[in-house]
Amino acid sequence: YSKYIYWHIMDYTDDKNFGEDIFQEVFIKICSLAPGNLPRKGATSWLL
């Protein structure tokens, strides 16, 4: 999912450095997700 995430992040900025910083924050959020905070409906739309 890294390319998918990065591709969508670049919809928000054309700056590669900002994109990489945002990617890192997104990835930390999804990897440190508590079991009680899992998406309740569509996983892909939750990720978006």
All heavy atoms as atom14 arrays in JSON, in Angstrom:
{
  "sequence": "YSKYIYWHIMDYTDDKNFGEDIFQEVFIKICSLAPGNLPRKGATSWLL",
  "atom14_mask": [
    [1, 1, 1, 1, 1, 1, 1, 1, 1, 1, 1, 1, 0, 0],
    [1, 1, 1, 1, 1, 1, 0, 0, 0, 0, 0, 0, 0, 0],
    [1, 1, 1, 1, 1, 1, 1, 1, 1, 0, 0, 0, 0, 0],
    [1, 1, 1, 1, 1, 1, 1, 1, 1, 1, 1, 1, 0, 0],
    [1, 1, 1, 1, 1, 1, 1, 1, 0, 0, 0, 0, 0, 0],
    [1, 1, 1, 1, 1, 1, 1, 1, 1, 1, 1, 1, 0, 0],
    [1, 1, 1, 1, 1, 1, 1, 1, 1, 1, 1, 1, 1, 1],
    [1, 1, 1, 1, 1, 1, 1, 1, 1, 1, 0, 0, 0, 0],
    [1, 1, 1, 1, 1, 1, 1, 1, 0, 0, 0, 0, 0, 0],
    [1, 1, 1, 1, 1, 1, 1, 1, 0, 0, 0, 0, 0, 0],
    [1, 1, 1, 1, 1, 1, 1, 1, 0, 0, 0, 0, 0, 0],
    [1, 1, 1, 1, 1, 1, 1, 1, 1, 1, 1, 1, 0, 0],
    [1, 1, 1, 1, 1, 1, 1, 0, 0, 0, 0, 0, 0, 0],
    [1, 1, 1, 1, 1, 1, 1, 1, 0, 0, 0, 0, 0, 0],
    [1, 1, 1, 1, 1, 1, 1, 1, 0, 0, 0, 0, 0, 0],
    [1, 1, 1, 1, 1, 1, 1, 1, 1, 0, 0, 0, 0, 0],
    [1, 1, 1, 1, 1, 1, 1, 1, 0, 0, 0, 0, 0, 0],
    [1, 1, 1, 1, 1, 1, 1, 1, 1, 1, 1, 0, 0, 0],
    [1, 1, 1, 1, 0, 0, 0, 0, 0, 0, 0, 0, 0, 0],
    [1, 1, 1, 1, 1, 1, 1, 1, 1, 0, 0, 0, 0, 0],
    [1, 1, 1, 1, 1, 1, 1, 1, 0, 0, 0, 0, 0, 0],
    [1, 1, 1, 1, 1, 1, 1, 1, 0, 0, 0, 0, 0, 0],
    [1, 1, 1, 1, 1, 1, 1, 1, 1, 1, 1, 0, 0, 0],
    [1, 1, 1, 1, 1, 1, 1, 1, 1, 0, 0, 0, 0, 0],
    [1, 1, 1, 1, 1, 1, 1, 1, 1, 0, 0, 0, 0, 0],
    [1, 1, 1, 1, 1, 1, 1, 0, 0, 0, 0, 0, 0, 0],
    [1, 1, 1, 1, 1, 1, 1, 1, 1, 1, 1, 0, 0, 0],
    [1, 1, 1, 1, 1, 1, 1, 1, 0, 0, 0, 0, 0, 0],
    [1, 1, 1, 1, 1, 1, 1, 1, 1, 0, 0, 0, 0, 0],
    [1, 1, 1, 1, 1, 1, 1, 1, 0, 0, 0, 0, 0, 0],
    [1, 1, 1, 1, 1, 1, 0, 0, 0, 0, 0, 0, 0, 0],
    [1, 1, 1, 1, 1, 1, 0, 0, 0, 0, 0, 0, 0, 0],
    [1, 1, 1, 1, 1, 1, 1, 1, 0, 0, 0, 0, 0, 0],
    [1, 1, 1, 1, 1, 0, 0, 0, 0, 0, 0, 0, 0, 0],
    [1, 1, 1, 1, 1, 1, 1, 0, 0, 0, 0, 0, 0, 0],
    [1, 1, 1, 1, 0, 0, 0, 0, 0, 0, 0, 0, 0, 0],
    [1, 1, 1, 1, 1, 1, 1, 1, 0, 0, 0, 0, 0, 0],
    [1, 1, 1, 1, 1, 1, 1, 1, 0, 0, 0, 0, 0, 0],
    [1, 1, 1, 1, 1, 1, 1, 0, 0, 0, 0, 0, 0, 0],
    [1, 1, 1, 1, 1, 1, 1, 1, 1, 1, 1, 0, 0, 0],
    [1, 1, 1, 1, 1, 1, 1, 1, 1, 0, 0, 0, 0, 0],
    [1, 1, 1, 1, 0, 0, 0, 0, 0, 0, 0, 0, 0, 0],
    [1, 1, 1, 1, 1, 0, 0, 0, 0, 0, 0, 0, 0, 0],
    [1, 1, 1, 1, 1, 1, 1, 0, 0, 0, 0, 0, 0, 0],
    [1, 1, 1, 1, 1, 1, 0, 0, 0, 0, 0, 0, 0, 0],
    [1, 1, 1, 1, 1, 1, 1, 1, 1, 1, 1, 1, 1, 1],
    [1, 1, 1, 1, 1, 1, 1, 1, 0, 0, 0, 0, 0, 0],
    [1, 1, 1, 1, 1, 1, 1, 1, 0, 0, 0, 0, 0, 0]
  ],
  "atom14_positions": [
    [[0.79, -1.24, 0.0], [0.0, 0.0, 0.0], [0.82, 1.29, 0.0], [0.23, 2.36, -0.09], [-0.98, 0.01, 1.2], [-2.09, -0.99, 1.03], [-1.98, -2.27, 1.54], [-3.24, -0.66, 0.33], [-2.99, -3.2, 1.35], [-4.25, -1.58, 0.13], [-4.12, -2.85, 0.66], [-5.12, -3.77, 0.47], [0.0, 0.0, 0.0], [0.0, 0.0, 0.0]],
    [[2.14, 1.22, 0.07], [2.92, 2.46, 0.16], [2.77, 3.33, -1.09], [2.6, 4.54, -0.98], [4.39, 2.16, 0.44], [4.95, 1.38, -0.59], [0.0, 0.0, 0.0], [0.0, 0.0, 0.0], [0.0, 0.0, 0.0], [0.0, 0.0, 0.0], [0.0, 0.0, 0.0], [0.0, 0.0, 0.0], [0.0, 0.0, 0.0], [0.0, 0.0, 0.0]],
    [[2.8, 2.72, -2.27], [2.65, 3.51, -3.5], [1.25, 4.13, -3.57], [1.1, 5.28, -3.97], [2.91, 2.65, -4.73], [4.36, 2.3, -4.91], [4.58, 1.46, -6.13], [6.05, 1.07, -6.23], [6.3, 0.14, -7.31], [0.0, 0.0, 0.0], [0.0, 0.0, 0.0], [0.0, 0.0, 0.0], [0.0, 0.0, 0.0], [0.0, 0.0, 0.0]],
    [[0.25, 3.38, -3.19], [-1.14, 3.86, -3.19], [-1.27, 5.06, -2.25], [-1.85, 6.09, -2.61], [-2.06, 2.72, -2.74], [-3.52, 3.09, -2.61], [-4.33, 3.15, -3.74], [-4.08, 3.36, -1.36], [-5.68, 3.48, -3.62], [-5.42, 3.69, -1.25], [-6.21, 3.74, -2.38], [-7.53, 4.07, -2.26], [0.0, 0.0, 0.0], [0.0, 0.0, 0.0]],
    [[-0.72, 4.95, -1.05], [-0.78, 6.03, -0.07], [-0.04, 7.25, -0.59], [-0.56, 8.37, -0.56], [-0.19, 5.56, 1.29], [-1.09, 4.49, 1.92], [0.0, 6.75, 2.24], [-0.45, 3.77, 3.1], [0.0, 0.0, 0.0], [0.0, 0.0, 0.0], [0.0, 0.0, 0.0], [0.0, 0.0, 0.0], [0.0, 0.0, 0.0], [0.0, 0.0, 0.0]],
    [[1.17, 7.05, -1.07], [1.98, 8.18, -1.55], [1.31, 8.87, -2.74], [1.27, 10.1, -2.82], [3.38, 7.69, -1.93], [4.32, 8.83, -2.27], [4.84, 9.65, -1.28], [4.68, 9.08, -3.58], [5.69, 10.69, -1.58], [5.53, 10.12, -3.91], [6.03, 10.92, -2.89], [6.87, 11.96, -3.21], [0.0, 0.0, 0.0], [0.0, 0.0, 0.0]],
    [[0.75, 8.09, -3.65], [0.06, 8.64, -4.83], [-1.08, 9.57, -4.39], [-1.24, 10.65, -4.93], [-0.44, 7.48, -5.69], [-1.13, 7.87, -6.93], [-0.57, 8.34, -8.08], [-2.54, 7.83, -7.19], [-1.55, 8.59, -9.02], [-2.76, 8.29, -8.5], [-3.63, 7.44, -6.42], [-4.03, 8.36, -9.06], [-4.9, 7.52, -6.99], [-5.08, 7.98, -8.29]],
    [[-1.84, 9.13, -3.39], [-2.95, 9.96, -2.91], [-2.45, 11.19, -2.15], [-3.06, 12.25, -2.22], [-3.92, 9.15, -2.06], [-4.86, 8.34, -2.9], [-5.91, 8.89, -3.59], [-4.88, 7.02, -3.19], [-6.54, 7.95, -4.26], [-5.94, 6.81, -4.03], [0.0, 0.0, 0.0], [0.0, 0.0, 0.0], [0.0, 0.0, 0.0], [0.0, 0.0, 0.0]],
    [[-1.36, 11.05, -1.44], [-0.79, 12.2, -0.72], [-0.37, 13.28, -1.71], [-0.58, 14.47, -1.48], [0.41, 11.77, 0.15], [-0.1, 10.97, 1.36], [1.23, 12.97, 0.59], [1.0, 10.28, 2.14], [0.0, 0.0, 0.0], [0.0, 0.0, 0.0], [0.0, 0.0, 0.0], [0.0, 0.0, 0.0], [0.0, 0.0, 0.0], [0.0, 0.0, 0.0]],
    [[0.16, 12.87, -2.83], [0.63, 13.84, -3.82], [-0.52, 14.58, -4.49], [-0.29, 15.55, -5.2], [1.56, 13.17, -4.84], [2.86, 12.64, -4.23], [3.73, 13.82, -3.17], [4.34, 14.97, -4.39], [0.0, 0.0, 0.0], [0.0, 0.0, 0.0], [0.0, 0.0, 0.0], [0.0, 0.0, 0.0], [0.0, 0.0, 0.0], [0.0, 0.0, 0.0]],
    [[-1.77, 14.18, -4.22], [-2.93, 14.97, -4.65], [-3.01, 16.27, -3.86], [-3.64, 17.22, -4.29], [-4.24, 14.21, -4.43], [-4.5, 13.16, -5.5], [-3.85, 13.22, -6.57], [-5.35, 12.28, -5.25], [0.0, 0.0, 0.0], [0.0, 0.0, 0.0], [0.0, 0.0, 0.0], [0.0, 0.0, 0.0], [0.0, 0.0, 0.0], [0.0, 0.0, 0.0]],
    [[-2.39, 16.3, -2.69], [-2.48, 17.45, -1.8], [-1.29, 18.4, -1.92], [-1.38, 19.55, -1.52], [-2.6, 16.99, -0.34], [-3.9, 16.25, -0.11], [-3.98, 14.87, -0.28], [-5.04, 16.93, 0.24], [-5.17, 14.2, -0.1], [-6.24, 16.27, 0.42], [-6.3, 14.9, 0.25], [-7.48, 14.25, 0.42], [0.0, 0.0, 0.0], [0.0, 0.0, 0.0]],
    [[-0.19, 17.93, -2.41], [0.99, 18.77, -2.54], [1.84, 18.3, -3.71], [1.86, 17.12, -4.03], [1.84, 18.78, -1.24], [2.97, 19.62, -1.42], [2.31, 17.38, -0.86], [0.0, 0.0, 0.0], [0.0, 0.0, 0.0], [0.0, 0.0, 0.0], [0.0, 0.0, 0.0], [0.0, 0.0, 0.0], [0.0, 0.0, 0.0], [0.0, 0.0, 0.0]],
    [[2.51, 19.24, -4.35], [3.44, 18.87, -5.42], [4.86, 18.79, -4.9], [5.78, 18.49, -5.66], [3.36, 19.91, -6.56], [2.01, 19.85, -7.27], [1.43, 18.76, -7.34], [1.56, 20.9, -7.74], [0.0, 0.0, 0.0], [0.0, 0.0, 0.0], [0.0, 0.0, 0.0], [0.0, 0.0, 0.0], [0.0, 0.0, 0.0], [0.0, 0.0, 0.0]],
    [[5.05, 19.05, -3.63], [6.39, 19.05, -3.03], [6.72, 17.66, -2.5], [6.05, 17.14, -1.61], [6.44, 20.08, -1.89], [7.84, 20.23, -1.35], [8.31, 19.3, -0.67], [8.46, 21.29, -1.6], [0.0, 0.0, 0.0], [0.0, 0.0, 0.0], [0.0, 0.0, 0.0], [0.0, 0.0, 0.0], [0.0, 0.0, 0.0], [0.0, 0.0, 0.0]],
    [[7.75, 17.05, -3.06], [8.14, 15.69, -2.71], [8.5, 15.57, -1.23], [8.14, 14.6, -0.57], [9.33, 15.26, -3.58], [9.75, 13.84, -3.38], [10.9, 13.47, -4.28], [11.35, 12.06, -3.97], [12.52, 11.66, -4.69], [0.0, 0.0, 0.0], [0.0, 0.0, 0.0], [0.0, 0.0, 0.0], [0.0, 0.0, 0.0], [0.0, 0.0, 0.0]],
    [[9.19, 16.57, -0.68], [9.58, 16.51, 0.74], [8.36, 16.52, 1.65], [8.3, 15.77, 2.62], [10.51, 17.68, 1.1], [11.85, 17.56, 0.41], [12.36, 16.46, 0.23], [12.41, 18.68, 0.01], [0.0, 0.0, 0.0], [0.0, 0.0, 0.0], [0.0, 0.0, 0.0], [0.0, 0.0, 0.0], [0.0, 0.0, 0.0], [0.0, 0.0, 0.0]],
    [[7.39, 17.39, 1.35], [6.16, 17.41, 2.14], [5.44, 16.07, 1.99], [4.92, 15.53, 2.96], [5.23, 18.54, 1.71], [5.69, 19.91, 2.11], [5.37, 21.0, 1.33], [6.45, 20.13, 3.24], [5.78, 22.27, 1.68], [6.86, 21.39, 3.62], [6.53, 22.47, 2.83], [0.0, 0.0, 0.0], [0.0, 0.0, 0.0], [0.0, 0.0, 0.0]],
    [[5.41, 15.56, 0.78], [4.75, 14.28, 0.54], [5.36, 13.16, 1.36], [4.65, 12.33, 1.93], [0.0, 0.0, 0.0], [0.0, 0.0, 0.0], [0.0, 0.0, 0.0], [0.0, 0.0, 0.0], [0.0, 0.0, 0.0], [0.0, 0.0, 0.0], [0.0, 0.0, 0.0], [0.0, 0.0, 0.0], [0.0, 0.0, 0.0], [0.0, 0.0, 0.0]],
    [[6.69, 13.13, 1.44], [7.37, 12.09, 2.21], [7.1, 12.25, 3.71], [6.91, 11.26, 4.41], [8.86, 12.11, 1.92], [9.18, 11.61, 0.52], [10.63, 11.83, 0.1], [11.41, 12.43, 0.88], [10.97, 11.4, -1.01], [0.0, 0.0, 0.0], [0.0, 0.0, 0.0], [0.0, 0.0, 0.0], [0.0, 0.0, 0.0], [0.0, 0.0, 0.0]],
    [[7.06, 13.5, 4.18], [6.76, 13.74, 5.6], [5.33, 13.28, 5.93], [5.09, 12.64, 6.96], [6.91, 15.22, 5.95], [8.36, 15.68, 5.94], [9.27, 14.82, 5.94], [8.58, 16.91, 5.93], [0.0, 0.0, 0.0], [0.0, 0.0, 0.0], [0.0, 0.0, 0.0], [0.0, 0.0, 0.0], [0.0, 0.0, 0.0], [0.0, 0.0, 0.0]],
    [[4.4, 13.63, 5.06], [3.0, 13.24, 5.28], [2.88, 11.72, 5.22], [2.19, 11.11, 6.04], [2.07, 13.92, 4.25], [2.11, 15.44, 4.45], [0.65, 13.39, 4.37], [1.49, 16.23, 3.31], [0.0, 0.0, 0.0], [0.0, 0.0, 0.0], [0.0, 0.0, 0.0], [0.0, 0.0, 0.0], [0.0, 0.0, 0.0], [0.0, 0.0, 0.0]],
    [[3.58, 11.1, 4.26], [3.55, 9.64, 4.14], [3.99, 9.0, 5.45], [3.36, 8.07, 5.95], [4.45, 9.16, 3.0], [4.56, 7.66, 2.94], [3.59, 6.92, 2.29], [5.6, 7.0, 3.55], [3.66, 5.53, 2.25], [5.68, 5.62, 3.52], [4.72, 4.88, 2.86], [0.0, 0.0, 0.0], [0.0, 0.0, 0.0], [0.0, 0.0, 0.0]],
    [[5.06, 9.52, 6.0], [5.59, 8.96, 7.25], [4.54, 9.08, 8.37], [4.32, 8.14, 9.12], [6.88, 9.68, 7.64], [7.61, 9.04, 8.78], [8.97, 9.68, 9.0], [9.19, 10.82, 8.64], [9.88, 8.93, 9.6], [0.0, 0.0, 0.0], [0.0, 0.0, 0.0], [0.0, 0.0, 0.0], [0.0, 0.0, 0.0], [0.0, 0.0, 0.0]],
    [[3.89, 10.22, 8.47], [2.86, 10.41, 9.5], [1.68, 9.46, 9.28], [1.18, 8.87, 10.23], [2.37, 11.87, 9.51], [3.37, 12.81, 10.14], [2.8, 14.2, 10.36], [1.59, 14.32, 10.7], [3.56, 15.17, 10.21], [0.0, 0.0, 0.0], [0.0, 0.0, 0.0], [0.0, 0.0, 0.0], [0.0, 0.0, 0.0], [0.0, 0.0, 0.0]],
    [[1.25, 9.32, 8.03], [0.13, 8.41, 7.73], [0.51, 6.99, 8.11], [-0.27, 6.27, 8.75], [-0.27, 8.48, 6.22], [-1.22, 7.34, 5.85], [-0.91, 9.82, 5.9], [0.0, 0.0, 0.0], [0.0, 0.0, 0.0], [0.0, 0.0, 0.0], [0.0, 0.0, 0.0], [0.0, 0.0, 0.0], [0.0, 0.0, 0.0], [0.0, 0.0, 0.0]],
    [[1.7, 6.58, 7.71], [2.1, 5.19, 7.97], [2.23, 4.92, 9.46], [1.84, 3.85, 9.93], [3.39, 4.85, 7.22], [3.5, 3.39, 6.93], [2.75, 2.83, 5.92], [4.31, 2.58, 7.69], [2.8, 1.47, 5.66], [4.38, 1.22, 7.44], [3.62, 0.66, 6.42], [0.0, 0.0, 0.0], [0.0, 0.0, 0.0], [0.0, 0.0, 0.0]],
    [[2.74, 5.88, 10.21], [2.82, 5.72, 11.66], [1.42, 5.57, 12.25], [1.18, 4.73, 13.11], [3.57, 6.91, 12.31], [5.07, 6.81, 11.96], [3.36, 6.95, 13.82], [5.87, 8.05, 12.31], [0.0, 0.0, 0.0], [0.0, 0.0, 0.0], [0.0, 0.0, 0.0], [0.0, 0.0, 0.0], [0.0, 0.0, 0.0], [0.0, 0.0, 0.0]],
    [[0.47, 6.37, 11.76], [-0.91, 6.3, 12.26], [-1.53, 4.93, 12.0], [-2.17, 4.36, 12.88], [-1.78, 7.38, 11.63], [-1.55, 8.75, 12.22], [-2.45, 9.77, 11.56], [-2.14, 11.15, 12.13], [-2.98, 12.18, 11.52], [0.0, 0.0, 0.0], [0.0, 0.0, 0.0], [0.0, 0.0, 0.0], [0.0, 0.0, 0.0], [0.0, 0.0, 0.0]],
    [[-1.35, 4.41, 10.78], [-2.01, 3.14, 10.48], [-1.31, 1.96, 11.16], [-1.95, 0.97, 11.47], [-2.2, 2.89, 8.96], [-0.87, 2.78, 8.23], [-3.08, 3.95, 8.34], [-1.03, 2.4, 6.77], [0.0, 0.0, 0.0], [0.0, 0.0, 0.0], [0.0, 0.0, 0.0], [0.0, 0.0, 0.0], [0.0, 0.0, 0.0], [0.0, 0.0, 0.0]],
    [[-0.01, 2.1, 11.41], [0.71, 0.99, 12.06], [0.58, 1.02, 13.58], [0.84, 0.02, 14.23], [2.18, 1.01, 11.66], [2.4, 0.54, 9.94], [0.0, 0.0, 0.0], [0.0, 0.0, 0.0], [0.0, 0.0, 0.0], [0.0, 0.0, 0.0], [0.0, 0.0, 0.0], [0.0, 0.0, 0.0], [0.0, 0.0, 0.0], [0.0, 0.0, 0.0]],
    [[0.21, 2.15, 14.14], [0.06, 2.22, 15.6], [-1.42, 2.25, 15.99], [-1.77, 2.68, 17.07], [0.77, 3.46, 16.14], [0.23, 4.63, 15.57], [0.0, 0.0, 0.0], [0.0, 0.0, 0.0], [0.0, 0.0, 0.0], [0.0, 0.0, 0.0], [0.0, 0.0, 0.0], [0.0, 0.0, 0.0], [0.0, 0.0, 0.0], [0.0, 0.0, 0.0]],
    [[-2.24, 1.76, 15.12], [-3.69, 1.73, 15.32], [-4.03, 0.74, 16.43], [-3.56, -0.39, 16.44], [-4.35, 1.3, 14.01], [-5.84, 1.39, 13.88], [-6.29, 2.84, 13.98], [-6.26, 0.83, 12.53], [0.0, 0.0, 0.0], [0.0, 0.0, 0.0], [0.0, 0.0, 0.0], [0.0, 0.0, 0.0], [0.0, 0.0, 0.0], [0.0, 0.0, 0.0]],
    [[-4.85, 1.19, 17.37], [-5.32, 0.3, 18.44], [-6.42, -0.6, 17.89], [-7.19, -0.17, 17.03], [-5.84, 1.14, 19.61], [0.0, 0.0, 0.0], [0.0, 0.0, 0.0], [0.0, 0.0, 0.0], [0.0, 0.0, 0.0], [0.0, 0.0, 0.0], [0.0, 0.0, 0.0], [0.0, 0.0, 0.0], [0.0, 0.0, 0.0], [0.0, 0.0, 0.0]],
    [[-6.52, -1.84, 18.39], [-7.55, -2.76, 17.89], [-8.97, -2.18, 17.94], [-9.78, -2.46, 17.07], [-7.41, -3.98, 18.79], [-6.01, -3.94, 19.27], [-5.65, -2.48, 19.38], [0.0, 0.0, 0.0], [0.0, 0.0, 0.0], [0.0, 0.0, 0.0], [0.0, 0.0, 0.0], [0.0, 0.0, 0.0], [0.0, 0.0, 0.0], [0.0, 0.0, 0.0]],
    [[-9.26, -1.35, 18.92], [-10.6, -0.78, 19.03], [-10.88, 0.34, 18.03], [-12.01, 0.79, 17.9], [0.0, 0.0, 0.0], [0.0, 0.0, 0.0], [0.0, 0.0, 0.0], [0.0, 0.0, 0.0], [0.0, 0.0, 0.0], [0.0, 0.0, 0.0], [0.0, 0.0, 0.0], [0.0, 0.0, 0.0], [0.0, 0.0, 0.0], [0.0, 0.0, 0.0]],
    [[-9.84, 0.79, 17.31], [-10.01, 1.88, 16.35], [-9.98, 1.43, 14.89], [-9.81, 2.25, 14.0], [-8.92, 2.94, 16.56], [-9.08, 3.65, 17.88], [-10.18, 3.77, 18.4], [-7.98, 4.11, 18.45], [0.0, 0.0, 0.0], [0.0, 0.0, 0.0], [0.0, 0.0, 0.0], [0.0, 0.0, 0.0], [0.0, 0.0, 0.0], [0.0, 0.0, 0.0]],
    [[-10.13, 0.15, 14.67], [-10.15, -0.37, 13.29], [-11.35, 0.2, 12.56], [-12.37, 0.53, 13.18], [-10.22, -1.89, 13.3], [-8.95, -2.61, 13.74], [-9.23, -4.08, 14.0], [-7.85, -2.45, 12.72], [0.0, 0.0, 0.0], [0.0, 0.0, 0.0], [0.0, 0.0, 0.0], [0.0, 0.0, 0.0], [0.0, 0.0, 0.0], [0.0, 0.0, 0.0]],
    [[-11.25, 0.33, 11.23], [-12.39, 0.86, 10.48], [-13.62, -0.02, 10.66], [-13.51, -1.23, 10.76], [-11.91, 0.84, 9.03], [-10.67, 0.06, 9.0], [-10.14, -0.04, 10.38], [0.0, 0.0, 0.0], [0.0, 0.0, 0.0], [0.0, 0.0, 0.0], [0.0, 0.0, 0.0], [0.0, 0.0, 0.0], [0.0, 0.0, 0.0], [0.0, 0.0, 0.0]],
    [[-14.78, 0.61, 10.72], [-16.04, -0.12, 10.92], [-16.78, -0.35, 9.61], [-17.69, -1.14, 9.55], [-16.92, 0.65, 11.88], [-16.25, 0.89, 13.2], [-17.23, 1.0, 14.34], [-16.7, 1.44, 15.6], [-15.74, 0.86, 16.29], [-15.15, -0.19, 15.83], [-15.34, 1.32, 17.46], [0.0, 0.0, 0.0], [0.0, 0.0, 0.0], [0.0, 0.0, 0.0]],
    [[-16.39, 0.38, 8.57], [-17.02, 0.2, 7.26], [-15.92, -0.1, 6.26], [-15.11, -0.94, 6.49], [-17.83, 1.44, 6.9], [-19.05, 1.6, 7.78], [-19.93, 2.7, 7.31], [-21.15, 2.78, 8.23], [-22.03, 3.86, 7.89], [0.0, 0.0, 0.0], [0.0, 0.0, 0.0], [0.0, 0.0, 0.0], [0.0, 0.0, 0.0], [0.0, 0.0, 0.0]],
    [[-15.84, 0.63, 5.15], [-14.86, 0.37, 4.11], [-13.43, 0.69, 4.53], [-13.14, 1.81, 4.94], [0.0, 0.0, 0.0], [0.0, 0.0, 0.0], [0.0, 0.0, 0.0], [0.0, 0.0, 0.0], [0.0, 0.0, 0.0], [0.0, 0.0, 0.0], [0.0, 0.0, 0.0], [0.0, 0.0, 0.0], [0.0, 0.0, 0.0], [0.0, 0.0, 0.0]],
    [[-12.55, -0.29, 4.45], [-11.16, -0.09, 4.86], [-10.44, 0.89, 3.93], [-9.66, 1.72, 4.37], [-10.42, -1.43, 4.89], [0.0, 0.0, 0.0], [0.0, 0.0, 0.0], [0.0, 0.0, 0.0], [0.0, 0.0, 0.0], [0.0, 0.0, 0.0], [0.0, 0.0, 0.0], [0.0, 0.0, 0.0], [0.0, 0.0, 0.0], [0.0, 0.0, 0.0]],
    [[-10.72, 0.81, 2.64], [-10.05, 1.7, 1.68], [-10.51, 3.14, 1.87], [-9.69, 4.07, 1.89], [-10.32, 1.25, 0.24], [-9.96, -0.14, 0.12], [-9.5, 2.06, -0.75], [0.0, 0.0, 0.0], [0.0, 0.0, 0.0], [0.0, 0.0, 0.0], [0.0, 0.0, 0.0], [0.0, 0.0, 0.0], [0.0, 0.0, 0.0], [0.0, 0.0, 0.0]],
    [[-11.8, 3.35, 2.06], [-12.28, 4.72, 2.27], [-11.78, 5.25, 3.62], [-11.49, 6.43, 3.74], [-13.8, 4.8, 2.18], [-14.41, 3.93, 3.1], [0.0, 0.0, 0.0], [0.0, 0.0, 0.0], [0.0, 0.0, 0.0], [0.0, 0.0, 0.0], [0.0, 0.0, 0.0], [0.0, 0.0, 0.0], [0.0, 0.0, 0.0], [0.0, 0.0, 0.0]],
    [[-11.65, 4.38, 4.61], [-11.07, 4.78, 5.9], [-9.63, 5.25, 5.69], [-9.23, 6.3, 6.21], [-11.12, 3.6, 6.88], [-10.42, 3.87, 8.17], [-10.93, 4.47, 9.28], [-9.06, 3.56, 8.48], [-9.97, 4.56, 10.25], [-8.81, 4.0, 9.79], [-8.02, 2.95, 7.78], [-7.57, 3.85, 10.42], [-6.79, 2.81, 8.39], [-6.58, 3.25, 9.7]],
    [[-8.85, 4.5, 4.91], [-7.47, 4.88, 4.65], [-7.41, 6.22, 3.93], [-6.57, 7.08, 4.25], [-6.76, 3.8, 3.83], [-5.31, 4.07, 3.42], [-4.43, 4.3, 4.65], [-4.77, 2.94, 2.58], [0.0, 0.0, 0.0], [0.0, 0.0, 0.0], [0.0, 0.0, 0.0], [0.0, 0.0, 0.0], [0.0, 0.0, 0.0], [0.0, 0.0, 0.0]],
    [[-8.29, 6.44, 2.97], [-8.32, 7.72, 2.26], [-8.65, 8.88, 3.2], [-8.1, 9.97, 3.07], [-9.32, 7.68, 1.1], [-8.9, 6.81, -0.07], [-10.04, 6.66, -1.07], [-7.66, 7.35, -0.74], [0.0, 0.0, 0.0], [0.0, 0.0, 0.0], [0.0, 0.0, 0.0], [0.0, 0.0, 0.0], [0.0, 0.0, 0.0], [0.0, 0.0, 0.0]]
  ]
}
